[in-house]
Amino acid sequence: MAATAPRGMKIGAVSLWLLLLLSEKPMYGYEVIRELEKRFSGYWKPKTGTIYPAFEKLEEGGLVTSRIEFRDEGIDRKHYALTEKGRTELSQSMGHWTKMMEVLESYREVHESIFRYKDRLSRDELSKSLVALGAGVGQRSVDLSKVLPGQRKLLVQPTEPVTFKLLYAKEEDELEIHMELKWTPSPRARRPPKRSSRPKRSKRFG
């Protein structure tokens, strides 16, 4: 887990996650570590040597505050809570990270995609496009010029099974539906033409 921050940000990835967790509720150190392991499904197991120094820097910067819980049984616990300055920094940092991820995702899509399309359509145009897409999938060959208005002819041949994913989401004040179709292209084996093993016979004219 990288701890460096992109340009324009004061905190790195580890500190950002700490602020995110504390924005939900105050936590003590070991509780934060367990929660991060849970959020990352075990793919990232943060160490105390990473988490506590990050907390110290956040506290020095006035982004978090701490208090010690003295316990009769067990070791004492140091609880951390987000300050107003921390909430402001979290909001600004999330904006920077979101923009950075959008740039990276756009770069990946442009360089990995064979074809990319985005346009504003009327509901009637969208309905016709979806109908054409469904008809093409049913006929095993999709002509993108019939699905996407104004596009050149490009045949796409889905193979079975087709993985279908639909996401309905709210982005600020807008509602979005993301649809994804995915399949594995069938291998086209190119076999060399068969050659006869029989030797050629010359014709004799007599």
N, C-alpha and C. Protein backbone atom coordinates (compact mmCIF):
# COMPACT_ATOMS: atom_id res chain seq x y z
N MET A 1 0.84 -1.18 0.00
CA MET A 1 0.00 0.00 0.00
C MET A 1 0.88 1.24 0.00
N ALA A 2 0.79 2.01 -1.08
CA ALA A 2 1.64 3.19 -1.20
C ALA A 2 1.20 4.25 -0.21
N ALA A 3 2.20 4.93 0.34
CA ALA A 3 1.89 5.97 1.32
C ALA A 3 2.08 7.36 0.74
N THR A 4 2.53 7.44 -0.51
CA THR A 4 2.78 8.74 -1.11
C THR A 4 1.47 9.37 -1.56
N ALA A 5 1.48 10.70 -1.64
CA ALA A 5 0.28 11.43 -2.02
C ALA A 5 0.46 12.04 -3.40
N PRO A 6 -0.61 12.05 -4.23
CA PRO A 6 -0.52 12.71 -5.52
C PRO A 6 -0.39 14.21 -5.35
N ARG A 7 0.00 14.88 -6.42
CA ARG A 7 0.23 16.32 -6.36
C ARG A 7 -1.05 17.03 -5.92
N GLY A 8 -0.92 17.98 -5.02
CA GLY A 8 -2.06 18.73 -4.54
C GLY A 8 -2.65 18.18 -3.25
N MET A 9 -2.14 17.04 -2.80
CA MET A 9 -2.64 16.43 -1.58
C MET A 9 -1.57 16.46 -0.49
N LYS A 10 -2.04 16.54 0.77
CA LYS A 10 -1.12 16.58 1.90
C LYS A 10 -0.90 15.20 2.50
N ILE A 11 -1.78 14.26 2.22
CA ILE A 11 -1.71 12.93 2.83
C ILE A 11 -1.66 11.84 1.78
N GLY A 12 -1.11 10.70 2.17
CA GLY A 12 -1.03 9.56 1.27
C GLY A 12 -2.18 8.59 1.45
N ALA A 13 -2.04 7.42 0.81
CA ALA A 13 -3.12 6.45 0.80
C ALA A 13 -3.43 5.91 2.19
N VAL A 14 -2.39 5.59 2.97
CA VAL A 14 -2.61 5.03 4.31
C VAL A 14 -3.34 6.03 5.19
N SER A 15 -2.87 7.27 5.21
CA SER A 15 -3.51 8.30 6.02
C SER A 15 -4.94 8.56 5.56
N LEU A 16 -5.17 8.48 4.26
CA LEU A 16 -6.52 8.68 3.74
C LEU A 16 -7.47 7.62 4.27
N TRP A 17 -7.02 6.37 4.31
CA TRP A 17 -7.86 5.30 4.84
C TRP A 17 -8.12 5.49 6.32
N LEU A 18 -7.14 5.97 7.05
CA LEU A 18 -7.34 6.22 8.48
C LEU A 18 -8.40 7.30 8.69
N LEU A 19 -8.33 8.35 7.91
CA LEU A 19 -9.33 9.41 8.02
C LEU A 19 -10.72 8.91 7.63
N LEU A 20 -10.78 8.05 6.61
CA LEU A 20 -12.06 7.49 6.19
C LEU A 20 -12.71 6.67 7.30
N LEU A 21 -11.92 5.84 7.96
CA LEU A 21 -12.46 5.02 9.04
C LEU A 21 -12.90 5.89 10.22
N LEU A 22 -12.10 6.89 10.56
CA LEU A 22 -12.44 7.74 11.69
C LEU A 22 -13.64 8.64 11.38
N SER A 23 -13.93 8.86 10.09
CA SER A 23 -15.11 9.66 9.74
C SER A 23 -16.39 8.91 10.09
N GLU A 24 -16.29 7.57 10.25
CA GLU A 24 -17.44 6.76 10.63
C GLU A 24 -17.65 6.77 12.14
N LYS A 25 -16.54 6.65 12.88
CA LYS A 25 -16.60 6.67 14.34
C LYS A 25 -15.18 6.69 14.89
N PRO A 26 -14.98 7.15 16.14
CA PRO A 26 -13.65 7.07 16.76
C PRO A 26 -13.24 5.61 16.95
N MET A 27 -11.96 5.33 16.82
CA MET A 27 -11.45 3.96 16.96
C MET A 27 -10.10 3.97 17.66
N TYR A 28 -9.75 2.85 18.27
CA TYR A 28 -8.41 2.71 18.81
C TYR A 28 -7.55 1.96 17.80
N GLY A 29 -6.25 2.01 17.99
CA GLY A 29 -5.31 1.54 16.99
C GLY A 29 -5.54 0.14 16.46
N TYR A 30 -5.64 -0.84 17.38
CA TYR A 30 -5.79 -2.22 16.95
C TYR A 30 -7.13 -2.44 16.25
N GLU A 31 -8.15 -1.69 16.67
CA GLU A 31 -9.47 -1.77 16.03
C GLU A 31 -9.38 -1.31 14.58
N VAL A 32 -8.59 -0.26 14.34
CA VAL A 32 -8.39 0.24 12.98
C VAL A 32 -7.71 -0.81 12.11
N ILE A 33 -6.69 -1.46 12.66
CA ILE A 33 -5.96 -2.48 11.90
C ILE A 33 -6.88 -3.63 11.51
N ARG A 34 -7.69 -4.11 12.44
CA ARG A 34 -8.63 -5.20 12.14
C ARG A 34 -9.66 -4.77 11.11
N GLU A 35 -10.13 -3.52 11.20
CA GLU A 35 -11.13 -3.04 10.25
C GLU A 35 -10.55 -2.92 8.85
N LEU A 36 -9.30 -2.49 8.74
CA LEU A 36 -8.66 -2.40 7.43
C LEU A 36 -8.48 -3.78 6.81
N GLU A 37 -8.09 -4.76 7.61
CA GLU A 37 -7.97 -6.13 7.11
C GLU A 37 -9.31 -6.63 6.59
N LYS A 38 -10.38 -6.28 7.29
CA LYS A 38 -11.72 -6.69 6.89
C LYS A 38 -12.13 -6.01 5.59
N ARG A 39 -11.87 -4.71 5.48
CA ARG A 39 -12.26 -3.96 4.28
C ARG A 39 -11.51 -4.46 3.05
N PHE A 40 -10.26 -4.86 3.23
CA PHE A 40 -9.45 -5.32 2.10
C PHE A 40 -9.48 -6.84 1.94
N SER A 41 -10.36 -7.49 2.68
CA SER A 41 -10.54 -8.95 2.59
C SER A 41 -9.23 -9.70 2.77
N GLY A 42 -8.34 -9.17 3.59
CA GLY A 42 -7.08 -9.85 3.87
C GLY A 42 -5.98 -9.61 2.86
N TYR A 43 -6.29 -8.87 1.74
CA TYR A 43 -5.27 -8.62 0.73
C TYR A 43 -4.24 -7.61 1.21
N TRP A 44 -4.62 -6.77 2.16
CA TRP A 44 -3.68 -5.86 2.78
C TRP A 44 -3.77 -6.05 4.29
N LYS A 45 -2.66 -6.42 4.89
CA LYS A 45 -2.62 -6.60 6.35
C LYS A 45 -1.69 -5.55 6.92
N PRO A 46 -2.24 -4.40 7.31
CA PRO A 46 -1.40 -3.31 7.80
C PRO A 46 -0.67 -3.67 9.08
N LYS A 47 0.53 -3.16 9.21
CA LYS A 47 1.36 -3.42 10.38
C LYS A 47 1.29 -2.22 11.34
N THR A 48 1.56 -2.50 12.61
CA THR A 48 1.56 -1.43 13.60
C THR A 48 2.64 -0.39 13.27
N GLY A 49 3.75 -0.85 12.65
CA GLY A 49 4.82 0.06 12.27
C GLY A 49 4.44 1.00 11.14
N THR A 50 3.30 0.72 10.48
CA THR A 50 2.79 1.60 9.43
C THR A 50 1.67 2.50 9.96
N ILE A 51 0.78 1.90 10.75
CA ILE A 51 -0.43 2.61 11.19
C ILE A 51 -0.12 3.67 12.24
N TYR A 52 0.63 3.32 13.28
CA TYR A 52 0.85 4.26 14.38
C TYR A 52 1.69 5.47 13.98
N PRO A 53 2.75 5.32 13.19
CA PRO A 53 3.46 6.52 12.71
C PRO A 53 2.56 7.42 11.86
N ALA A 54 1.66 6.81 11.08
CA ALA A 54 0.73 7.61 10.27
C ALA A 54 -0.22 8.38 11.18
N PHE A 55 -0.69 7.74 12.26
CA PHE A 55 -1.54 8.42 13.23
C PHE A 55 -0.80 9.60 13.88
N GLU A 56 0.47 9.40 14.19
CA GLU A 56 1.26 10.46 14.82
C GLU A 56 1.36 11.68 13.92
N LYS A 57 1.60 11.46 12.62
CA LYS A 57 1.69 12.57 11.67
C LYS A 57 0.36 13.29 11.54
N LEU A 58 -0.73 12.50 11.51
CA LEU A 58 -2.06 13.11 11.41
C LEU A 58 -2.37 13.95 12.65
N GLU A 59 -1.94 13.45 13.81
CA GLU A 59 -2.19 14.18 15.05
C GLU A 59 -1.34 15.45 15.10
N GLU A 60 -0.10 15.35 14.63
CA GLU A 60 0.76 16.53 14.59
C GLU A 60 0.19 17.60 13.67
N GLY A 61 -0.47 17.16 12.61
CA GLY A 61 -1.07 18.11 11.66
C GLY A 61 -2.44 18.61 12.10
N GLY A 62 -2.91 18.13 13.24
CA GLY A 62 -4.20 18.58 13.74
C GLY A 62 -5.39 17.95 13.04
N LEU A 63 -5.15 16.86 12.31
CA LEU A 63 -6.24 16.21 11.57
C LEU A 63 -6.99 15.21 12.45
N VAL A 64 -6.32 14.66 13.44
CA VAL A 64 -6.97 13.75 14.39
C VAL A 64 -6.56 14.15 15.81
N THR A 65 -7.36 13.72 16.74
CA THR A 65 -7.05 13.92 18.15
C THR A 65 -7.09 12.56 18.83
N SER A 66 -6.45 12.44 19.98
CA SER A 66 -6.41 11.13 20.64
C SER A 66 -6.64 11.28 22.14
N ARG A 67 -7.06 10.18 22.74
CA ARG A 67 -7.19 10.11 24.19
C ARG A 67 -6.86 8.68 24.61
N ILE A 68 -6.32 8.53 25.79
CA ILE A 68 -5.93 7.20 26.28
C ILE A 68 -7.00 6.66 27.21
N GLU A 69 -7.42 5.43 26.96
CA GLU A 69 -8.37 4.74 27.82
C GLU A 69 -7.58 3.85 28.78
N PHE A 70 -7.60 4.21 30.04
CA PHE A 70 -6.89 3.42 31.05
C PHE A 70 -7.80 2.28 31.50
N ARG A 71 -7.30 1.04 31.37
CA ARG A 71 -8.11 -0.15 31.65
C ARG A 71 -7.53 -0.89 32.84
N ASP A 72 -8.45 -1.38 33.69
CA ASP A 72 -8.01 -2.19 34.84
C ASP A 72 -7.50 -3.54 34.38
N GLU A 73 -8.15 -4.08 33.36
CA GLU A 73 -7.74 -5.38 32.80
C GLU A 73 -7.29 -5.17 31.36
N GLY A 74 -6.15 -5.69 31.04
CA GLY A 74 -5.62 -5.53 29.70
C GLY A 74 -4.82 -4.24 29.57
N ILE A 75 -4.21 -4.10 28.40
CA ILE A 75 -3.37 -2.92 28.17
C ILE A 75 -4.24 -1.70 27.88
N ASP A 76 -3.70 -0.52 28.13
CA ASP A 76 -4.43 0.71 27.84
C ASP A 76 -4.61 0.88 26.34
N ARG A 77 -5.66 1.60 25.96
CA ARG A 77 -5.96 1.82 24.56
C ARG A 77 -5.91 3.30 24.23
N LYS A 78 -5.37 3.60 23.05
CA LYS A 78 -5.34 4.98 22.59
C LYS A 78 -6.38 5.15 21.49
N HIS A 79 -7.41 5.94 21.78
CA HIS A 79 -8.50 6.15 20.84
C HIS A 79 -8.23 7.40 20.00
N TYR A 80 -8.57 7.29 18.70
CA TYR A 80 -8.37 8.41 17.78
C TYR A 80 -9.72 8.88 17.25
N ALA A 81 -9.84 10.19 17.05
CA ALA A 81 -11.07 10.76 16.51
C ALA A 81 -10.71 11.84 15.49
N LEU A 82 -11.60 12.06 14.56
CA LEU A 82 -11.38 13.03 13.48
C LEU A 82 -11.73 14.44 13.96
N THR A 83 -10.90 15.40 13.64
CA THR A 83 -11.18 16.79 13.97
C THR A 83 -11.88 17.46 12.78
N GLU A 84 -12.35 18.70 12.97
CA GLU A 84 -12.98 19.42 11.86
C GLU A 84 -11.98 19.67 10.75
N LYS A 85 -10.75 19.96 11.14
CA LYS A 85 -9.69 20.13 10.14
C LYS A 85 -9.47 18.83 9.38
N GLY A 86 -9.58 17.71 10.09
CA GLY A 86 -9.43 16.41 9.44
C GLY A 86 -10.54 16.13 8.46
N ARG A 87 -11.77 16.52 8.81
CA ARG A 87 -12.91 16.32 7.90
C ARG A 87 -12.74 17.16 6.63
N THR A 88 -12.24 18.38 6.81
CA THR A 88 -12.02 19.23 5.64
C THR A 88 -10.94 18.63 4.73
N GLU A 89 -9.84 18.16 5.33
CA GLU A 89 -8.77 17.55 4.56
C GLU A 89 -9.25 16.28 3.87
N LEU A 90 -10.08 15.49 4.55
CA LEU A 90 -10.62 14.27 3.97
C LEU A 90 -11.45 14.59 2.74
N SER A 91 -12.30 15.60 2.83
CA SER A 91 -13.14 15.98 1.70
C SER A 91 -12.29 16.42 0.51
N GLN A 92 -11.27 17.24 0.76
CA GLN A 92 -10.41 17.71 -0.32
C GLN A 92 -9.59 16.57 -0.91
N SER A 93 -9.08 15.69 -0.05
CA SER A 93 -8.25 14.57 -0.52
C SER A 93 -9.07 13.59 -1.35
N MET A 94 -10.31 13.34 -0.95
CA MET A 94 -11.17 12.44 -1.71
C MET A 94 -11.41 13.00 -3.11
N GLY A 95 -11.54 14.34 -3.20
CA GLY A 95 -11.71 14.96 -4.51
C GLY A 95 -10.49 14.75 -5.38
N HIS A 96 -9.28 14.90 -4.81
CA HIS A 96 -8.04 14.68 -5.56
C HIS A 96 -7.92 13.22 -6.00
N TRP A 97 -8.19 12.29 -5.08
CA TRP A 97 -8.08 10.87 -5.41
C TRP A 97 -9.09 10.47 -6.49
N THR A 98 -10.31 11.01 -6.40
CA THR A 98 -11.34 10.69 -7.39
C THR A 98 -10.92 11.15 -8.77
N LYS A 99 -10.42 12.39 -8.87
CA LYS A 99 -9.98 12.91 -10.16
C LYS A 99 -8.81 12.09 -10.71
N MET A 100 -7.88 11.73 -9.83
CA MET A 100 -6.73 10.94 -10.25
C MET A 100 -7.16 9.58 -10.79
N MET A 101 -8.11 8.93 -10.10
CA MET A 101 -8.59 7.63 -10.54
C MET A 101 -9.36 7.73 -11.85
N GLU A 102 -10.08 8.83 -12.05
CA GLU A 102 -10.79 9.04 -13.31
C GLU A 102 -9.81 9.16 -14.47
N VAL A 103 -8.71 9.88 -14.24
CA VAL A 103 -7.69 10.02 -15.28
C VAL A 103 -7.06 8.67 -15.61
N LEU A 104 -6.72 7.90 -14.56
CA LEU A 104 -6.12 6.59 -14.78
C LEU A 104 -7.07 5.64 -15.49
N GLU A 105 -8.35 5.66 -15.09
CA GLU A 105 -9.34 4.77 -15.71
C GLU A 105 -9.56 5.14 -17.17
N SER A 106 -9.63 6.45 -17.44
CA SER A 106 -9.80 6.91 -18.81
C SER A 106 -8.60 6.50 -19.66
N TYR A 107 -7.39 6.64 -19.11
CA TYR A 107 -6.18 6.25 -19.83
C TYR A 107 -6.20 4.75 -20.15
N ARG A 108 -6.61 3.95 -19.15
CA ARG A 108 -6.65 2.50 -19.35
C ARG A 108 -7.68 2.13 -20.41
N GLU A 109 -8.87 2.75 -20.35
CA GLU A 109 -9.91 2.42 -21.31
C GLU A 109 -9.49 2.77 -22.73
N VAL A 110 -8.89 3.94 -22.89
CA VAL A 110 -8.50 4.39 -24.23
C VAL A 110 -7.44 3.48 -24.83
N HIS A 111 -6.48 3.03 -23.99
CA HIS A 111 -5.36 2.25 -24.50
C HIS A 111 -5.65 0.76 -24.57
N GLU A 112 -6.71 0.30 -23.93
CA GLU A 112 -7.03 -1.12 -23.99
C GLU A 112 -8.23 -1.41 -24.88
N SER A 113 -9.03 -0.40 -25.18
CA SER A 113 -10.25 -0.64 -25.94
C SER A 113 -9.97 -0.63 -27.44
N ILE A 114 -10.73 -1.44 -28.15
CA ILE A 114 -10.65 -1.46 -29.60
C ILE A 114 -11.59 -0.40 -30.18
N PHE A 115 -12.70 -0.20 -29.48
CA PHE A 115 -13.71 0.74 -29.94
C PHE A 115 -14.37 1.37 -28.72
N ARG A 116 -14.59 2.67 -28.76
CA ARG A 116 -15.20 3.36 -27.64
C ARG A 116 -16.23 4.35 -28.16
N TYR A 117 -17.39 4.43 -27.51
CA TYR A 117 -18.47 5.29 -27.98
C TYR A 117 -19.16 5.97 -26.80
N LYS A 118 -19.44 7.25 -26.95
CA LYS A 118 -20.21 7.98 -25.97
C LYS A 118 -20.92 9.12 -26.68
N ASP A 119 -22.25 9.26 -26.45
CA ASP A 119 -23.01 10.31 -27.12
C ASP A 119 -24.29 10.57 -26.33
N ARG A 120 -24.94 11.66 -26.63
CA ARG A 120 -26.22 11.99 -26.01
C ARG A 120 -27.32 11.64 -26.99
N LEU A 121 -28.24 10.77 -26.59
CA LEU A 121 -29.31 10.29 -27.44
C LEU A 121 -30.66 10.61 -26.83
N SER A 122 -31.66 10.69 -27.68
CA SER A 122 -33.03 10.79 -27.18
C SER A 122 -33.46 9.42 -26.69
N ARG A 123 -34.53 9.35 -25.93
CA ARG A 123 -35.00 8.06 -25.44
C ARG A 123 -35.42 7.16 -26.59
N ASP A 124 -35.99 7.77 -27.65
CA ASP A 124 -36.40 6.98 -28.82
C ASP A 124 -35.18 6.39 -29.52
N GLU A 125 -34.12 7.20 -29.67
CA GLU A 125 -32.89 6.69 -30.30
C GLU A 125 -32.25 5.61 -29.45
N LEU A 126 -32.24 5.81 -28.13
CA LEU A 126 -31.67 4.80 -27.24
C LEU A 126 -32.46 3.50 -27.32
N SER A 127 -33.79 3.61 -27.37
CA SER A 127 -34.63 2.41 -27.46
C SER A 127 -34.32 1.61 -28.73
N LYS A 128 -34.16 2.32 -29.86
CA LYS A 128 -33.85 1.64 -31.12
C LYS A 128 -32.47 0.98 -31.06
N SER A 129 -31.51 1.65 -30.40
CA SER A 129 -30.17 1.07 -30.28
C SER A 129 -30.19 -0.21 -29.47
N LEU A 130 -30.93 -0.20 -28.34
CA LEU A 130 -30.99 -1.39 -27.49
C LEU A 130 -31.71 -2.54 -28.20
N VAL A 131 -32.76 -2.20 -28.96
CA VAL A 131 -33.47 -3.24 -29.72
C VAL A 131 -32.54 -3.86 -30.77
N ALA A 132 -31.79 -3.00 -31.46
CA ALA A 132 -30.84 -3.50 -32.48
C ALA A 132 -29.75 -4.35 -31.84
N LEU A 133 -29.31 -3.95 -30.66
CA LEU A 133 -28.29 -4.73 -29.96
C LEU A 133 -28.83 -6.10 -29.58
N GLY A 134 -30.04 -6.13 -29.03
CA GLY A 134 -30.64 -7.41 -28.65
C GLY A 134 -30.85 -8.31 -29.84
N ALA A 135 -31.31 -7.73 -30.95
CA ALA A 135 -31.54 -8.53 -32.16
C ALA A 135 -30.24 -9.09 -32.69
N GLY A 136 -29.18 -8.27 -32.64
CA GLY A 136 -27.89 -8.73 -33.14
C GLY A 136 -27.32 -9.86 -32.30
N VAL A 137 -27.45 -9.74 -30.97
CA VAL A 137 -26.96 -10.80 -30.08
C VAL A 137 -27.72 -12.09 -30.34
N GLY A 138 -29.03 -11.98 -30.58
CA GLY A 138 -29.83 -13.17 -30.87
C GLY A 138 -29.45 -13.83 -32.18
N GLN A 139 -28.98 -13.02 -33.13
CA GLN A 139 -28.58 -13.55 -34.44
C GLN A 139 -27.10 -13.89 -34.50
N ARG A 140 -26.42 -13.76 -33.34
CA ARG A 140 -25.00 -14.11 -33.20
C ARG A 140 -24.04 -13.18 -33.92
N SER A 141 -24.55 -12.05 -34.42
CA SER A 141 -23.67 -11.09 -35.08
C SER A 141 -24.26 -9.69 -34.91
N VAL A 142 -23.51 -8.81 -34.26
CA VAL A 142 -23.98 -7.45 -33.99
C VAL A 142 -23.28 -6.48 -34.93
N ASP A 143 -24.07 -5.74 -35.71
CA ASP A 143 -23.53 -4.70 -36.57
C ASP A 143 -23.62 -3.39 -35.81
N LEU A 144 -22.48 -2.86 -35.37
CA LEU A 144 -22.48 -1.65 -34.54
C LEU A 144 -23.03 -0.43 -35.27
N SER A 145 -23.01 -0.44 -36.60
CA SER A 145 -23.57 0.69 -37.34
C SER A 145 -25.09 0.77 -37.19
N LYS A 146 -25.73 -0.36 -36.85
CA LYS A 146 -27.16 -0.37 -36.60
C LYS A 146 -27.50 -0.09 -35.14
N VAL A 147 -26.53 -0.31 -34.28
CA VAL A 147 -26.75 -0.08 -32.85
C VAL A 147 -26.42 1.36 -32.48
N LEU A 148 -25.32 1.88 -33.03
CA LEU A 148 -24.85 3.22 -32.68
C LEU A 148 -25.03 4.15 -33.87
N PRO A 149 -25.86 5.17 -33.75
CA PRO A 149 -26.14 6.08 -34.86
C PRO A 149 -24.87 6.75 -35.38
N GLY A 150 -24.73 6.74 -36.72
CA GLY A 150 -23.62 7.44 -37.36
C GLY A 150 -22.30 6.73 -37.35
N GLN A 151 -22.26 5.47 -36.92
CA GLN A 151 -20.99 4.74 -36.85
C GLN A 151 -20.81 3.87 -38.09
N ARG A 152 -19.55 3.59 -38.41
CA ARG A 152 -19.25 2.74 -39.55
C ARG A 152 -19.60 1.29 -39.23
N LYS A 153 -19.71 0.49 -40.25
CA LYS A 153 -20.07 -0.92 -40.07
C LYS A 153 -18.93 -1.67 -39.40
N LEU A 154 -19.27 -2.34 -38.31
CA LEU A 154 -18.30 -3.14 -37.59
C LEU A 154 -19.04 -4.32 -36.98
N LEU A 155 -18.70 -5.52 -37.42
CA LEU A 155 -19.38 -6.72 -36.96
C LEU A 155 -18.71 -7.28 -35.70
N VAL A 156 -19.53 -7.56 -34.71
CA VAL A 156 -19.08 -8.18 -33.47
C VAL A 156 -19.85 -9.48 -33.29
N GLN A 157 -19.14 -10.56 -33.02
CA GLN A 157 -19.77 -11.87 -32.92
C GLN A 157 -19.60 -12.45 -31.52
N PRO A 158 -20.60 -12.26 -30.64
CA PRO A 158 -20.52 -12.82 -29.28
C PRO A 158 -20.58 -14.35 -29.31
N THR A 159 -19.84 -14.97 -28.42
CA THR A 159 -19.91 -16.41 -28.26
C THR A 159 -20.57 -16.74 -26.93
N GLU A 160 -21.05 -17.94 -26.78
CA GLU A 160 -21.71 -18.34 -25.54
C GLU A 160 -20.72 -19.01 -24.60
N PRO A 161 -20.90 -18.81 -23.28
CA PRO A 161 -21.92 -17.98 -22.64
C PRO A 161 -21.50 -16.51 -22.61
N VAL A 162 -22.49 -15.62 -22.56
CA VAL A 162 -22.25 -14.18 -22.46
C VAL A 162 -22.49 -13.75 -21.01
N THR A 163 -21.50 -13.12 -20.41
CA THR A 163 -21.65 -12.60 -19.06
C THR A 163 -22.30 -11.22 -19.15
N PHE A 164 -23.41 -11.05 -18.44
CA PHE A 164 -24.17 -9.80 -18.48
C PHE A 164 -24.13 -9.14 -17.11
N LYS A 165 -23.71 -7.87 -17.07
CA LYS A 165 -23.63 -7.14 -15.80
C LYS A 165 -24.33 -5.80 -15.95
N LEU A 166 -25.16 -5.46 -14.97
CA LEU A 166 -25.89 -4.21 -15.00
C LEU A 166 -25.70 -3.50 -13.67
N LEU A 167 -25.34 -2.23 -13.74
CA LEU A 167 -25.14 -1.43 -12.53
C LEU A 167 -26.02 -0.20 -12.62
N TYR A 168 -26.86 -0.02 -11.61
CA TYR A 168 -27.71 1.17 -11.52
C TYR A 168 -27.19 1.99 -10.36
N ALA A 169 -26.71 3.20 -10.64
CA ALA A 169 -26.02 3.97 -9.60
C ALA A 169 -26.42 5.43 -9.66
N LYS A 170 -26.20 6.10 -8.53
CA LYS A 170 -26.43 7.53 -8.44
C LYS A 170 -25.10 8.23 -8.30
N GLU A 171 -24.83 9.17 -9.19
CA GLU A 171 -23.60 9.95 -9.18
C GLU A 171 -23.97 11.41 -8.97
N GLU A 172 -23.79 11.88 -7.74
CA GLU A 172 -24.20 13.23 -7.35
C GLU A 172 -25.70 13.38 -7.62
N ASP A 173 -26.11 14.26 -8.56
CA ASP A 173 -27.54 14.46 -8.84
C ASP A 173 -28.01 13.71 -10.07
N GLU A 174 -27.16 12.83 -10.61
CA GLU A 174 -27.51 12.10 -11.83
C GLU A 174 -27.66 10.61 -11.53
N LEU A 175 -28.54 9.97 -12.30
CA LEU A 175 -28.72 8.52 -12.20
C LEU A 175 -28.10 7.88 -13.43
N GLU A 176 -27.39 6.78 -13.24
CA GLU A 176 -26.69 6.13 -14.34
C GLU A 176 -26.97 4.64 -14.35
N ILE A 177 -26.99 4.08 -15.55
CA ILE A 177 -27.05 2.63 -15.74
C ILE A 177 -25.85 2.23 -16.58
N HIS A 178 -25.01 1.38 -16.04
CA HIS A 178 -23.85 0.87 -16.77
C HIS A 178 -24.13 -0.58 -17.15
N MET A 179 -24.03 -0.89 -18.43
CA MET A 179 -24.30 -2.25 -18.91
C MET A 179 -23.02 -2.82 -19.51
N GLU A 180 -22.75 -4.07 -19.20
CA GLU A 180 -21.53 -4.71 -19.69
C GLU A 180 -21.85 -6.10 -20.20
N LEU A 181 -21.37 -6.41 -21.40
CA LEU A 181 -21.45 -7.75 -21.98
C LEU A 181 -20.02 -8.25 -22.17
N LYS A 182 -19.77 -9.46 -21.74
CA LYS A 182 -18.40 -9.98 -21.83
C LYS A 182 -18.45 -11.44 -22.26
N TRP A 183 -17.54 -11.81 -23.15
CA TRP A 183 -17.43 -13.20 -23.60
C TRP A 183 -16.01 -13.46 -24.06
N THR A 184 -15.69 -14.72 -24.25
CA THR A 184 -14.37 -15.12 -24.71
C THR A 184 -14.43 -15.44 -26.20
N PRO A 185 -13.66 -14.75 -27.03
CA PRO A 185 -13.69 -15.03 -28.47
C PRO A 185 -13.33 -16.48 -28.76
N SER A 186 -14.05 -17.06 -29.70
CA SER A 186 -13.76 -18.45 -30.07
C SER A 186 -12.48 -18.49 -30.90
N PRO A 187 -11.59 -19.45 -30.62
CA PRO A 187 -10.34 -19.55 -31.39
C PRO A 187 -10.62 -20.00 -32.82
N ARG A 188 -10.00 -19.33 -33.73
CA ARG A 188 -10.15 -19.71 -35.13
C ARG A 188 -8.87 -20.43 -35.57
N ALA A 189 -8.97 -21.70 -35.63
CA ALA A 189 -7.79 -22.49 -36.01
C ALA A 189 -7.55 -22.39 -37.50
N ARG A 190 -6.39 -21.96 -37.84
CA ARG A 190 -6.03 -21.88 -39.25
C ARG A 190 -5.26 -23.13 -39.65
N ARG A 191 -5.94 -23.97 -40.36
CA ARG A 191 -5.30 -25.22 -40.77
C ARG A 191 -4.71 -25.07 -42.16
N PRO A 192 -3.49 -25.53 -42.34
CA PRO A 192 -2.88 -25.44 -43.67
C PRO A 192 -3.62 -26.35 -44.64
N PRO A 193 -3.69 -25.98 -45.89
CA PRO A 193 -4.39 -26.83 -46.87
C PRO A 193 -3.75 -28.21 -46.96
N LYS A 194 -4.64 -29.18 -47.10
CA LYS A 194 -4.15 -30.56 -47.19
C LYS A 194 -3.40 -30.79 -48.50
N ARG A 195 -2.27 -31.43 -48.36
CA ARG A 195 -1.49 -31.76 -49.54
C ARG A 195 -1.50 -33.26 -49.77
N SER A 196 -1.65 -33.60 -50.99
CA SER A 196 -1.69 -35.02 -51.33
C SER A 196 -0.30 -35.63 -51.17
N SER A 197 -0.27 -36.84 -50.58
CA SER A 197 1.01 -37.52 -50.40
C SER A 197 1.41 -38.30 -51.64
N ARG A 198 0.48 -38.35 -52.60
CA ARG A 198 0.79 -39.09 -53.82
C ARG A 198 1.72 -38.28 -54.72
N PRO A 199 2.71 -38.91 -55.31
CA PRO A 199 3.59 -38.18 -56.24
C PRO A 199 2.84 -37.86 -57.53
N LYS A 200 3.16 -36.70 -58.10
CA LYS A 200 2.50 -36.29 -59.33
C LYS A 200 2.99 -37.17 -60.49
N ARG A 201 2.06 -37.53 -61.35
CA ARG A 201 2.42 -38.31 -62.53
C ARG A 201 2.40 -37.42 -63.77
N SER A 202 3.43 -37.54 -64.55
CA SER A 202 3.48 -36.76 -65.78
C SER A 202 2.70 -37.44 -66.86
N LYS A 203 2.02 -36.65 -67.65
CA LYS A 203 1.23 -37.20 -68.74
C LYS A 203 2.12 -37.43 -69.96
N ARG A 204 1.87 -38.54 -70.58
CA ARG A 204 2.63 -38.85 -71.80
C ARG A 204 1.72 -38.77 -73.01
N PHE A 205 2.26 -38.15 -74.00
CA PHE A 205 1.50 -38.02 -75.24
C PHE A 205 2.19 -38.87 -76.29
N GLY A 206 1.52 -39.82 -76.88
CA GLY A 206 2.19 -40.65 -77.85
C GLY A 206 1.37 -40.88 -79.09
